[in-house]
N, C-alpha and C. Protein backbone atom coordinates (compact mmCIF):
# COMPACT_ATOMS: atom_id res chain seq x y z
N MET A 1 -20.08 -20.40 -32.88
CA MET A 1 -18.78 -19.88 -33.17
C MET A 1 -18.30 -20.48 -34.48
N SER A 2 -17.54 -19.73 -35.23
CA SER A 2 -16.92 -20.27 -36.44
C SER A 2 -15.43 -20.00 -36.39
N TYR A 3 -14.65 -20.90 -36.93
CA TYR A 3 -13.21 -20.77 -36.91
C TYR A 3 -12.68 -20.93 -38.33
N SER A 4 -11.55 -20.34 -38.60
CA SER A 4 -10.90 -20.49 -39.91
C SER A 4 -10.52 -21.95 -40.08
N SER A 5 -10.59 -22.40 -41.31
CA SER A 5 -10.20 -23.78 -41.54
C SER A 5 -8.71 -23.95 -41.27
N GLY A 6 -8.36 -25.10 -40.74
CA GLY A 6 -6.97 -25.40 -40.49
C GLY A 6 -6.50 -24.92 -39.11
N VAL A 7 -7.40 -24.28 -38.30
CA VAL A 7 -6.99 -23.82 -36.97
C VAL A 7 -7.49 -24.84 -35.94
N ALA A 8 -6.59 -25.39 -35.18
CA ALA A 8 -6.94 -26.36 -34.16
C ALA A 8 -7.06 -25.62 -32.83
N ILE A 9 -8.13 -25.90 -32.11
CA ILE A 9 -8.32 -25.30 -30.79
C ILE A 9 -8.39 -26.42 -29.75
N ASP A 10 -7.56 -26.29 -28.77
CA ASP A 10 -7.51 -27.26 -27.69
C ASP A 10 -8.02 -26.59 -26.42
N VAL A 11 -9.09 -27.05 -25.85
CA VAL A 11 -9.68 -26.47 -24.67
C VAL A 11 -9.63 -27.49 -23.53
N THR A 12 -9.06 -27.09 -22.42
CA THR A 12 -9.02 -27.94 -21.25
C THR A 12 -9.77 -27.24 -20.13
N ILE A 13 -10.70 -27.92 -19.52
CA ILE A 13 -11.47 -27.39 -18.41
C ILE A 13 -11.17 -28.23 -17.18
N ARG A 14 -10.74 -27.60 -16.15
CA ARG A 14 -10.48 -28.30 -14.89
C ARG A 14 -11.45 -27.78 -13.83
N VAL A 15 -12.02 -28.68 -13.08
CA VAL A 15 -12.92 -28.30 -11.99
C VAL A 15 -12.31 -28.86 -10.72
N GLY A 16 -12.02 -27.98 -9.78
CA GLY A 16 -11.46 -28.42 -8.51
C GLY A 16 -12.25 -27.95 -7.34
N LEU A 17 -12.46 -28.77 -6.38
CA LEU A 17 -13.15 -28.46 -5.13
C LEU A 17 -14.55 -27.87 -5.36
N PRO A 18 -15.37 -28.52 -6.18
CA PRO A 18 -16.73 -27.97 -6.37
C PRO A 18 -17.55 -28.13 -5.08
N GLN A 19 -18.50 -27.25 -4.89
CA GLN A 19 -19.38 -27.38 -3.75
C GLN A 19 -20.70 -26.68 -4.03
N LEU A 20 -21.74 -27.21 -3.43
CA LEU A 20 -23.06 -26.62 -3.49
C LEU A 20 -23.42 -26.11 -2.12
N GLU A 21 -24.07 -24.96 -2.06
CA GLU A 21 -24.42 -24.38 -0.78
C GLU A 21 -25.87 -23.89 -0.77
N GLN A 22 -26.47 -23.98 0.39
CA GLN A 22 -27.85 -23.52 0.54
C GLN A 22 -27.94 -22.02 0.72
N GLY A 23 -26.90 -21.40 1.22
CA GLY A 23 -26.95 -19.96 1.56
C GLY A 23 -26.99 -19.10 0.31
N ALA A 24 -27.01 -17.79 0.55
CA ALA A 24 -27.11 -16.81 -0.54
C ALA A 24 -25.77 -16.47 -1.13
N PHE A 25 -24.65 -16.96 -0.54
CA PHE A 25 -23.33 -16.62 -1.04
C PHE A 25 -22.39 -17.79 -0.77
N ALA A 26 -21.31 -17.83 -1.51
CA ALA A 26 -20.34 -18.89 -1.37
C ALA A 26 -19.46 -18.65 -0.16
N THR A 27 -19.05 -19.73 0.48
CA THR A 27 -18.12 -19.66 1.59
C THR A 27 -16.83 -20.38 1.22
N SER A 28 -15.81 -20.25 2.05
CA SER A 28 -14.54 -20.91 1.74
C SER A 28 -14.72 -22.42 1.82
N VAL A 29 -13.83 -23.13 1.10
CA VAL A 29 -13.92 -24.57 1.01
C VAL A 29 -13.55 -25.23 2.33
N ILE A 30 -14.28 -26.28 2.71
CA ILE A 30 -13.92 -27.11 3.84
C ILE A 30 -13.35 -28.38 3.25
N ALA A 31 -12.04 -28.55 3.36
CA ALA A 31 -11.38 -29.73 2.80
C ALA A 31 -11.76 -30.97 3.65
N THR A 32 -12.23 -32.00 2.98
CA THR A 32 -12.62 -33.25 3.67
C THR A 32 -12.03 -34.41 2.89
N SER A 33 -11.96 -35.55 3.57
CA SER A 33 -11.59 -36.78 2.86
C SER A 33 -12.75 -37.74 2.97
N THR A 34 -12.83 -38.52 4.02
CA THR A 34 -13.96 -39.44 4.16
C THR A 34 -14.89 -39.08 5.31
N THR A 35 -14.54 -38.03 6.05
CA THR A 35 -15.32 -37.64 7.22
C THR A 35 -15.84 -36.23 7.05
N ALA A 36 -17.10 -36.05 7.40
CA ALA A 36 -17.68 -34.70 7.37
C ALA A 36 -17.01 -33.82 8.41
N ARG A 37 -16.84 -32.57 8.07
CA ARG A 37 -16.19 -31.65 9.00
C ARG A 37 -17.04 -30.40 9.11
N SER A 38 -16.89 -29.71 10.24
CA SER A 38 -17.61 -28.42 10.40
C SER A 38 -16.65 -27.26 10.17
N ARG A 39 -17.25 -26.13 9.93
CA ARG A 39 -16.48 -24.95 9.57
C ARG A 39 -16.07 -24.18 10.82
N SER A 40 -14.82 -23.77 10.86
CA SER A 40 -14.36 -22.79 11.83
C SER A 40 -14.56 -21.41 11.18
N ALA A 41 -14.61 -20.38 12.01
CA ALA A 41 -14.78 -19.03 11.45
C ALA A 41 -13.58 -18.67 10.60
N ASP A 42 -13.83 -18.01 9.47
CA ASP A 42 -12.73 -17.49 8.64
C ASP A 42 -12.16 -16.27 9.36
N VAL A 43 -10.87 -16.35 9.70
CA VAL A 43 -10.22 -15.26 10.40
C VAL A 43 -8.98 -14.84 9.66
N ALA A 44 -8.96 -13.61 9.16
CA ALA A 44 -7.80 -13.09 8.44
C ALA A 44 -6.99 -12.22 9.39
N THR A 45 -5.71 -12.55 9.54
CA THR A 45 -4.83 -11.76 10.39
C THR A 45 -3.55 -11.40 9.64
N MET A 46 -2.85 -10.41 10.16
CA MET A 46 -1.57 -10.02 9.59
C MET A 46 -0.62 -9.76 10.77
N THR A 47 0.54 -10.43 10.74
CA THR A 47 1.47 -10.36 11.87
C THR A 47 2.90 -10.17 11.37
N GLY A 48 3.82 -10.03 12.32
CA GLY A 48 5.24 -9.96 12.03
C GLY A 48 5.59 -8.84 11.06
N THR A 49 6.59 -9.10 10.20
CA THR A 49 7.00 -8.03 9.27
C THR A 49 5.92 -7.76 8.20
N ASN A 50 5.03 -8.72 7.98
CA ASN A 50 3.91 -8.45 7.07
C ASN A 50 3.07 -7.27 7.59
N PHE A 51 3.08 -7.09 8.90
CA PHE A 51 2.36 -5.96 9.52
C PHE A 51 3.29 -4.76 9.73
N SER A 52 4.44 -5.00 10.39
CA SER A 52 5.29 -3.89 10.78
C SER A 52 5.95 -3.16 9.64
N ASN A 53 6.02 -3.79 8.44
CA ASN A 53 6.62 -3.12 7.31
C ASN A 53 5.80 -1.94 6.76
N TRP A 54 4.52 -1.91 7.08
CA TRP A 54 3.71 -0.83 6.54
C TRP A 54 2.99 0.00 7.62
N PHE A 55 2.82 -0.52 8.83
CA PHE A 55 2.06 0.20 9.84
C PHE A 55 2.92 1.24 10.54
N ASN A 56 2.44 2.48 10.58
CA ASN A 56 3.16 3.57 11.25
C ASN A 56 2.61 3.73 12.66
N GLN A 57 3.42 3.49 13.68
CA GLN A 57 2.96 3.56 15.06
C GLN A 57 2.63 5.01 15.49
N SER A 58 3.24 6.00 14.83
CA SER A 58 3.09 7.40 15.27
C SER A 58 1.87 8.13 14.72
N GLU A 59 1.49 7.80 13.48
CA GLU A 59 0.31 8.44 12.86
C GLU A 59 -0.16 7.61 11.67
N GLY A 60 -1.42 7.75 11.34
CA GLY A 60 -1.93 7.04 10.18
C GLY A 60 -3.42 7.27 10.02
N THR A 61 -3.94 6.73 8.91
CA THR A 61 -5.35 6.80 8.59
C THR A 61 -5.79 5.44 8.06
N ILE A 62 -6.89 4.93 8.57
CA ILE A 62 -7.47 3.66 8.16
C ILE A 62 -8.80 3.94 7.49
N TYR A 63 -8.96 3.38 6.28
CA TYR A 63 -10.23 3.51 5.57
C TYR A 63 -10.78 2.10 5.37
N ILE A 64 -12.03 1.90 5.69
CA ILE A 64 -12.65 0.59 5.52
C ILE A 64 -14.08 0.75 5.08
N GLU A 65 -14.54 -0.10 4.19
CA GLU A 65 -15.95 -0.21 3.83
C GLU A 65 -16.42 -1.58 4.30
N TYR A 66 -17.52 -1.59 5.03
CA TYR A 66 -18.05 -2.86 5.53
C TYR A 66 -19.58 -2.80 5.59
N GLN A 67 -20.17 -3.95 5.81
CA GLN A 67 -21.62 -4.05 5.95
C GLN A 67 -21.94 -5.15 6.95
N GLY A 68 -22.74 -4.83 7.96
CA GLY A 68 -23.20 -5.84 8.90
C GLY A 68 -24.41 -6.58 8.31
N VAL A 69 -24.38 -7.90 8.39
CA VAL A 69 -25.51 -8.67 7.84
C VAL A 69 -26.69 -8.64 8.78
N ASN A 70 -26.44 -8.86 10.05
CA ASN A 70 -27.52 -8.82 11.03
C ASN A 70 -27.32 -7.64 11.96
N ASN A 71 -28.40 -6.93 12.21
CA ASN A 71 -28.31 -5.85 13.20
C ASN A 71 -28.37 -6.47 14.59
N VAL A 72 -27.20 -6.62 15.17
CA VAL A 72 -27.12 -7.29 16.47
C VAL A 72 -26.44 -6.38 17.49
N ALA A 73 -26.89 -6.48 18.73
CA ALA A 73 -26.29 -5.71 19.80
C ALA A 73 -25.11 -6.48 20.36
N GLY A 74 -24.51 -5.93 21.40
CA GLY A 74 -23.38 -6.58 22.02
C GLY A 74 -22.18 -5.66 22.05
N ALA A 75 -21.02 -6.25 22.22
CA ALA A 75 -19.79 -5.44 22.18
C ALA A 75 -19.59 -4.87 20.81
N THR A 76 -18.55 -4.06 20.64
CA THR A 76 -18.30 -3.47 19.33
C THR A 76 -17.98 -4.59 18.33
N ARG A 77 -18.77 -4.67 17.29
CA ARG A 77 -18.53 -5.64 16.20
C ARG A 77 -17.38 -5.11 15.38
N ARG A 78 -16.31 -5.91 15.22
CA ARG A 78 -15.10 -5.45 14.59
C ARG A 78 -15.13 -5.59 13.09
N ALA A 79 -14.95 -4.47 12.39
CA ALA A 79 -14.62 -4.54 10.97
C ALA A 79 -13.12 -4.81 10.87
N VAL A 80 -12.36 -4.13 11.73
CA VAL A 80 -10.90 -4.36 11.85
C VAL A 80 -10.49 -4.05 13.28
N GLU A 81 -9.54 -4.80 13.78
CA GLU A 81 -8.91 -4.49 15.04
C GLU A 81 -7.41 -4.58 14.84
N ILE A 82 -6.69 -3.61 15.39
CA ILE A 82 -5.24 -3.58 15.35
C ILE A 82 -4.77 -3.57 16.80
N GLY A 83 -3.97 -4.58 17.17
CA GLY A 83 -3.61 -4.70 18.57
C GLY A 83 -2.38 -5.55 18.79
N VAL A 84 -2.36 -6.20 19.93
CA VAL A 84 -1.24 -7.05 20.33
C VAL A 84 -1.78 -8.45 20.57
N SER A 85 -1.13 -9.45 19.97
CA SER A 85 -1.57 -10.82 20.15
C SER A 85 -1.47 -11.23 21.62
N GLY A 86 -2.55 -11.79 22.14
CA GLY A 86 -2.54 -12.26 23.52
C GLY A 86 -2.83 -11.19 24.55
N ALA A 87 -3.13 -9.95 24.12
CA ALA A 87 -3.38 -8.87 25.08
C ALA A 87 -4.50 -8.00 24.58
N ILE A 88 -5.22 -7.38 25.50
CA ILE A 88 -6.32 -6.49 25.11
C ILE A 88 -6.08 -5.05 25.58
N ASN A 89 -4.90 -4.77 26.13
CA ASN A 89 -4.66 -3.45 26.71
C ASN A 89 -4.14 -2.44 25.69
N GLU A 90 -3.77 -2.87 24.49
CA GLU A 90 -3.24 -1.99 23.45
C GLU A 90 -3.98 -2.29 22.16
N ARG A 91 -4.84 -1.38 21.70
CA ARG A 91 -5.53 -1.67 20.45
C ARG A 91 -6.35 -0.53 19.89
N TYR A 92 -6.55 -0.63 18.58
CA TYR A 92 -7.47 0.22 17.84
C TYR A 92 -8.64 -0.70 17.45
N ILE A 93 -9.87 -0.30 17.71
CA ILE A 93 -11.03 -1.07 17.36
C ILE A 93 -11.90 -0.22 16.44
N ILE A 94 -12.23 -0.76 15.28
CA ILE A 94 -13.05 -0.04 14.32
C ILE A 94 -14.19 -0.94 13.90
N GLY A 95 -15.41 -0.50 14.06
CA GLY A 95 -16.56 -1.31 13.72
C GLY A 95 -17.85 -0.60 14.09
N TYR A 96 -18.80 -1.36 14.66
CA TYR A 96 -20.05 -0.71 15.02
C TYR A 96 -20.54 -1.21 16.37
N ILE A 97 -21.25 -0.34 17.04
CA ILE A 97 -21.82 -0.65 18.35
C ILE A 97 -23.34 -0.62 18.19
N ALA A 98 -24.03 -1.59 18.78
CA ALA A 98 -25.48 -1.76 18.58
C ALA A 98 -25.73 -1.84 17.07
N THR A 99 -26.74 -1.12 16.59
CA THR A 99 -27.05 -1.21 15.17
C THR A 99 -27.04 0.15 14.47
N THR A 100 -26.74 1.17 15.22
CA THR A 100 -26.95 2.51 14.67
C THR A 100 -25.74 3.42 14.71
N SER A 101 -24.57 2.89 15.10
CA SER A 101 -23.40 3.79 15.20
C SER A 101 -22.11 3.06 14.78
N SER A 102 -21.34 3.71 13.94
CA SER A 102 -19.98 3.23 13.69
C SER A 102 -19.13 3.74 14.86
N ARG A 103 -18.03 3.04 15.14
CA ARG A 103 -17.28 3.38 16.32
C ARG A 103 -15.77 3.20 16.10
N VAL A 104 -15.00 4.13 16.61
CA VAL A 104 -13.54 4.02 16.67
C VAL A 104 -13.15 4.13 18.13
N LEU A 105 -12.52 3.08 18.63
CA LEU A 105 -12.14 2.99 20.03
C LEU A 105 -10.62 2.79 20.08
N VAL A 106 -9.92 3.61 20.87
CA VAL A 106 -8.48 3.50 21.00
C VAL A 106 -8.17 3.22 22.49
N ILE A 107 -7.41 2.14 22.75
CA ILE A 107 -7.07 1.74 24.11
C ILE A 107 -5.56 1.68 24.22
N ASP A 108 -5.00 2.37 25.20
CA ASP A 108 -3.56 2.37 25.46
C ASP A 108 -3.33 2.14 26.94
N GLY A 109 -2.50 1.15 27.28
CA GLY A 109 -2.24 0.83 28.69
C GLY A 109 -3.48 0.40 29.45
N GLY A 110 -4.45 -0.19 28.73
CA GLY A 110 -5.67 -0.65 29.38
C GLY A 110 -6.67 0.45 29.63
N VAL A 111 -6.37 1.68 29.18
CA VAL A 111 -7.25 2.83 29.40
C VAL A 111 -7.83 3.31 28.07
N THR A 112 -9.14 3.52 28.00
CA THR A 112 -9.75 4.05 26.79
C THR A 112 -9.28 5.47 26.58
N GLN A 113 -8.61 5.70 25.48
CA GLN A 113 -8.06 7.01 25.14
C GLN A 113 -9.02 7.82 24.26
N ALA A 114 -9.75 7.13 23.40
CA ALA A 114 -10.69 7.79 22.50
C ALA A 114 -11.85 6.85 22.21
N ASP A 115 -13.02 7.40 22.08
CA ASP A 115 -14.21 6.65 21.71
C ASP A 115 -15.09 7.56 20.88
N VAL A 116 -14.93 7.46 19.56
CA VAL A 116 -15.59 8.37 18.64
C VAL A 116 -16.62 7.59 17.85
N SER A 117 -17.86 8.04 17.83
CA SER A 117 -18.89 7.33 17.07
C SER A 117 -19.67 8.31 16.16
N VAL A 118 -20.25 7.73 15.11
CA VAL A 118 -21.07 8.48 14.17
C VAL A 118 -22.30 7.65 13.85
N THR A 119 -23.46 8.26 13.81
CA THR A 119 -24.69 7.55 13.51
C THR A 119 -24.63 6.99 12.09
N SER A 120 -24.94 5.69 11.95
CA SER A 120 -24.98 5.06 10.63
C SER A 120 -25.78 3.75 10.74
N THR A 121 -26.31 3.31 9.62
CA THR A 121 -27.09 2.08 9.57
C THR A 121 -26.19 0.94 9.14
N GLN A 122 -25.95 -0.02 10.04
CA GLN A 122 -24.95 -1.04 9.78
C GLN A 122 -25.37 -2.07 8.74
N SER A 123 -26.65 -2.19 8.46
CA SER A 123 -27.06 -3.14 7.44
C SER A 123 -26.86 -2.57 6.03
N ASN A 124 -26.52 -1.28 5.93
CA ASN A 124 -26.13 -0.66 4.65
C ASN A 124 -24.60 -0.70 4.56
N ILE A 125 -24.07 -0.39 3.39
CA ILE A 125 -22.60 -0.29 3.28
C ILE A 125 -22.15 0.94 4.05
N VAL A 126 -21.18 0.74 4.93
CA VAL A 126 -20.63 1.83 5.75
C VAL A 126 -19.23 2.14 5.23
N LYS A 127 -18.97 3.42 4.98
CA LYS A 127 -17.63 3.88 4.59
C LYS A 127 -17.09 4.67 5.77
N LEU A 128 -16.02 4.16 6.36
CA LEU A 128 -15.47 4.75 7.59
C LEU A 128 -14.00 5.03 7.42
N ALA A 129 -13.58 6.23 7.82
CA ALA A 129 -12.15 6.58 7.83
C ALA A 129 -11.82 7.05 9.24
N ALA A 130 -10.73 6.50 9.80
CA ALA A 130 -10.29 6.89 11.13
C ALA A 130 -8.82 7.27 11.05
N SER A 131 -8.48 8.38 11.70
CA SER A 131 -7.08 8.82 11.69
C SER A 131 -6.56 8.98 13.14
N TYR A 132 -5.26 8.80 13.29
CA TYR A 132 -4.68 8.89 14.62
C TYR A 132 -3.31 9.52 14.59
N ILE A 133 -3.05 10.29 15.63
CA ILE A 133 -1.75 10.85 15.94
C ILE A 133 -1.89 11.23 17.43
N LEU A 134 -0.79 11.42 18.12
CA LEU A 134 -0.86 11.77 19.54
C LEU A 134 -1.82 12.97 19.75
N ASN A 135 -2.76 12.78 20.67
CA ASN A 135 -3.74 13.81 21.03
C ASN A 135 -4.66 14.22 19.91
N ASN A 136 -4.90 13.33 18.94
CA ASN A 136 -5.84 13.66 17.88
C ASN A 136 -6.34 12.37 17.22
N ILE A 137 -7.53 11.92 17.62
CA ILE A 137 -8.18 10.74 17.06
C ILE A 137 -9.45 11.23 16.40
N ALA A 138 -9.62 10.97 15.11
CA ALA A 138 -10.80 11.47 14.38
C ALA A 138 -11.39 10.36 13.55
N GLN A 139 -12.63 10.50 13.21
CA GLN A 139 -13.26 9.58 12.28
C GLN A 139 -14.39 10.25 11.53
N ALA A 140 -14.67 9.75 10.34
CA ALA A 140 -15.83 10.17 9.56
C ALA A 140 -16.47 8.90 9.02
N THR A 141 -17.79 8.91 8.94
CA THR A 141 -18.55 7.79 8.40
C THR A 141 -19.56 8.34 7.41
N ASN A 142 -19.54 7.82 6.19
CA ASN A 142 -20.48 8.20 5.16
C ASN A 142 -20.58 9.72 5.03
N GLY A 143 -19.44 10.42 5.07
CA GLY A 143 -19.39 11.82 4.86
C GLY A 143 -19.66 12.72 6.07
N VAL A 144 -19.88 12.08 7.24
CA VAL A 144 -20.17 12.83 8.45
C VAL A 144 -19.05 12.63 9.47
N SER A 145 -18.54 13.74 10.04
CA SER A 145 -17.45 13.65 11.02
C SER A 145 -17.98 13.40 12.42
N GLY A 146 -17.21 12.62 13.17
CA GLY A 146 -17.48 12.48 14.60
C GLY A 146 -16.72 13.58 15.34
N THR A 147 -16.88 13.63 16.66
CA THR A 147 -16.16 14.61 17.47
C THR A 147 -14.74 14.14 17.66
N THR A 148 -13.76 14.96 17.30
CA THR A 148 -12.36 14.59 17.42
C THR A 148 -11.95 14.57 18.90
N ASP A 149 -11.23 13.49 19.27
CA ASP A 149 -10.68 13.37 20.62
C ASP A 149 -9.30 14.00 20.62
N THR A 150 -9.08 14.99 21.46
CA THR A 150 -7.80 15.74 21.43
C THR A 150 -6.91 15.48 22.64
N SER A 151 -7.13 14.37 23.34
CA SER A 151 -6.27 14.07 24.50
C SER A 151 -6.01 12.58 24.58
N ALA A 152 -5.50 11.98 23.51
CA ALA A 152 -5.32 10.54 23.47
C ALA A 152 -3.86 10.16 23.23
N THR A 153 -3.40 9.18 24.01
CA THR A 153 -2.10 8.56 23.72
C THR A 153 -2.36 7.37 22.80
N LEU A 154 -1.31 6.86 22.20
CA LEU A 154 -1.46 5.78 21.18
C LEU A 154 -0.90 4.45 21.68
N PRO A 155 -1.60 3.37 21.35
CA PRO A 155 -1.07 2.07 21.72
C PRO A 155 0.09 1.66 20.79
N THR A 156 0.90 0.74 21.29
CA THR A 156 1.95 0.10 20.47
C THR A 156 1.40 -1.26 20.06
N VAL A 157 1.27 -1.50 18.77
CA VAL A 157 0.56 -2.68 18.28
C VAL A 157 1.44 -3.51 17.34
N ASP A 158 1.08 -4.78 17.13
CA ASP A 158 1.89 -5.66 16.28
C ASP A 158 1.10 -6.61 15.40
N GLN A 159 -0.22 -6.43 15.33
CA GLN A 159 -1.02 -7.39 14.56
C GLN A 159 -2.35 -6.75 14.15
N LEU A 160 -2.89 -7.26 13.05
CA LEU A 160 -4.17 -6.79 12.54
C LEU A 160 -5.12 -7.97 12.35
N TRP A 161 -6.38 -7.80 12.75
CA TRP A 161 -7.41 -8.81 12.53
C TRP A 161 -8.53 -8.17 11.71
N PHE A 162 -9.01 -8.89 10.71
CA PHE A 162 -10.18 -8.44 9.94
C PHE A 162 -11.41 -9.17 10.44
N GLY A 163 -12.47 -8.41 10.76
CA GLY A 163 -13.76 -9.00 11.09
C GLY A 163 -13.86 -9.68 12.44
N THR A 164 -12.83 -9.54 13.25
CA THR A 164 -12.86 -10.19 14.55
C THR A 164 -11.89 -9.46 15.50
N ALA A 165 -11.79 -9.94 16.72
CA ALA A 165 -10.95 -9.29 17.73
C ALA A 165 -9.95 -10.28 18.30
N GLU A 166 -8.92 -9.77 18.93
CA GLU A 166 -8.00 -10.61 19.70
C GLU A 166 -8.83 -11.32 20.78
N GLY A 167 -8.67 -12.65 20.87
CA GLY A 167 -9.46 -13.41 21.86
C GLY A 167 -10.92 -13.33 21.55
N SER A 168 -11.26 -13.39 20.27
CA SER A 168 -12.62 -13.12 19.79
C SER A 168 -13.69 -13.91 20.54
N THR A 169 -14.78 -13.24 20.82
CA THR A 169 -15.98 -13.88 21.32
C THR A 169 -17.11 -13.62 20.33
N ALA A 170 -18.17 -14.37 20.45
CA ALA A 170 -19.25 -14.31 19.44
C ALA A 170 -19.78 -12.89 19.22
N ASN A 171 -19.84 -12.08 20.28
CA ASN A 171 -20.43 -10.75 20.12
C ASN A 171 -19.45 -9.70 19.66
N THR A 172 -18.22 -10.08 19.26
CA THR A 172 -17.27 -9.13 18.67
C THR A 172 -17.03 -9.37 17.20
N VAL A 173 -17.51 -10.51 16.68
CA VAL A 173 -17.32 -10.81 15.26
C VAL A 173 -18.16 -9.90 14.40
N LEU A 174 -17.62 -9.45 13.28
CA LEU A 174 -18.34 -8.54 12.38
C LEU A 174 -19.69 -9.05 11.97
N ASN A 175 -19.77 -10.31 11.61
CA ASN A 175 -21.03 -10.87 11.10
C ASN A 175 -21.50 -10.06 9.90
N GLY A 176 -20.61 -9.94 8.92
CA GLY A 176 -20.91 -9.15 7.74
C GLY A 176 -19.83 -9.27 6.71
N TYR A 177 -19.65 -8.24 5.93
CA TYR A 177 -18.72 -8.26 4.81
C TYR A 177 -17.76 -7.07 4.89
N ILE A 178 -16.55 -7.28 4.46
CA ILE A 178 -15.59 -6.19 4.29
C ILE A 178 -15.37 -6.04 2.80
N ARG A 179 -15.64 -4.82 2.33
CA ARG A 179 -15.57 -4.57 0.90
C ARG A 179 -14.23 -3.94 0.48
N SER A 180 -13.64 -3.16 1.37
CA SER A 180 -12.40 -2.45 1.01
C SER A 180 -11.66 -2.08 2.28
N PHE A 181 -10.31 -2.09 2.22
CA PHE A 181 -9.46 -1.65 3.32
C PHE A 181 -8.26 -0.92 2.71
N VAL A 182 -8.02 0.31 3.19
CA VAL A 182 -6.91 1.11 2.69
C VAL A 182 -6.21 1.74 3.91
N TYR A 183 -4.88 1.78 3.86
CA TYR A 183 -4.12 2.38 4.95
C TYR A 183 -3.22 3.47 4.41
N TYR A 184 -3.19 4.63 5.11
CA TYR A 184 -2.31 5.73 4.80
C TYR A 184 -1.36 5.91 5.98
N PRO A 185 -0.06 5.96 5.78
CA PRO A 185 0.87 6.04 6.91
C PRO A 185 1.05 7.48 7.44
N LYS A 186 -0.01 8.28 7.33
CA LYS A 186 -0.02 9.62 7.89
C LYS A 186 -1.45 9.98 8.24
N GLN A 187 -1.61 10.95 9.16
CA GLN A 187 -2.95 11.35 9.53
C GLN A 187 -3.50 12.30 8.48
N LEU A 188 -4.64 11.94 7.90
CA LEU A 188 -5.32 12.84 6.95
C LEU A 188 -6.21 13.80 7.74
N PRO A 189 -6.36 15.02 7.28
CA PRO A 189 -7.20 16.00 7.98
C PRO A 189 -8.67 15.64 7.88
N ALA A 190 -9.46 16.21 8.79
CA ALA A 190 -10.86 15.86 8.93
C ALA A 190 -11.65 16.04 7.62
N PHE A 191 -11.38 17.08 6.83
CA PHE A 191 -12.13 17.27 5.59
C PHE A 191 -11.84 16.16 4.62
N GLU A 192 -10.62 15.59 4.63
CA GLU A 192 -10.31 14.48 3.73
C GLU A 192 -11.00 13.20 4.19
N LEU A 193 -11.14 13.03 5.51
CA LEU A 193 -11.88 11.86 6.01
C LEU A 193 -13.33 11.94 5.51
N ARG A 194 -13.91 13.11 5.58
CA ARG A 194 -15.31 13.27 5.09
C ARG A 194 -15.38 12.99 3.59
N MET A 195 -14.40 13.52 2.82
CA MET A 195 -14.40 13.30 1.37
C MET A 195 -14.22 11.82 1.02
N LEU A 196 -13.34 11.14 1.72
CA LEU A 196 -13.11 9.72 1.47
C LEU A 196 -14.36 8.89 1.66
N THR A 197 -15.16 9.28 2.65
CA THR A 197 -16.32 8.46 3.03
C THR A 197 -17.63 8.92 2.43
N ALA A 198 -17.65 10.07 1.74
CA ALA A 198 -18.90 10.55 1.18
C ALA A 198 -19.46 9.65 0.09
C-alpha cells in the first residue's frame, strides 16, 4: 500500500474471546474463567411482547429454510415450534420426520388438527412455507405442495422456539442449520407457497 505524504494512519486491532475448534464450523463462545465448562445447547426463543407484537393468532404464513446435518429418525425434528411455554397441547411444529419428509403439525387442545408432509431430503437445504387459518392448513416444500387440511382449529400460542421444542428432548432438536425465517401475518395462497419455496 502507498499513502500520500503527510497522512497519518492509526490502526487499532482488538481481539476478543478468541477460540480454536476442531469441528467444521464455529460455535458460540463458552465464557470461562479458571474452570473448564461444557456447552449447553444453543436455544433461541421469543416470548412476551417480542412475540405477540407480530404473531397473528387468526392467520399467517411461516417461511423457513433449514438443513438437517444428520439424517436421524425419531420425533419430528423442529426447525421451528410455536407454542405455549410449559405446555404441549397448543402448538405449531415445523420440521422433518425421519429423513425423507418435511412436516407441518398443528395441535389444538391436545388434538392433532393437521399433519401435512412433503417428500424432501433433509440433508439438503429445505425451503418450507406453511400457512394457517381456521379450517385451512397448507404447506409447500421446495416447490411441491402437500395436501391441504381443511378441518383444523388453531392453537392459541405465546412463544417461539428455533431448532428445538417446548420441553425439548434429544430426538426433537433440529441437529442442523436454520438459514432463513420469514413471517407473513396473513395466509398466502397455495400457489404462492410453491413459488416461495421453488
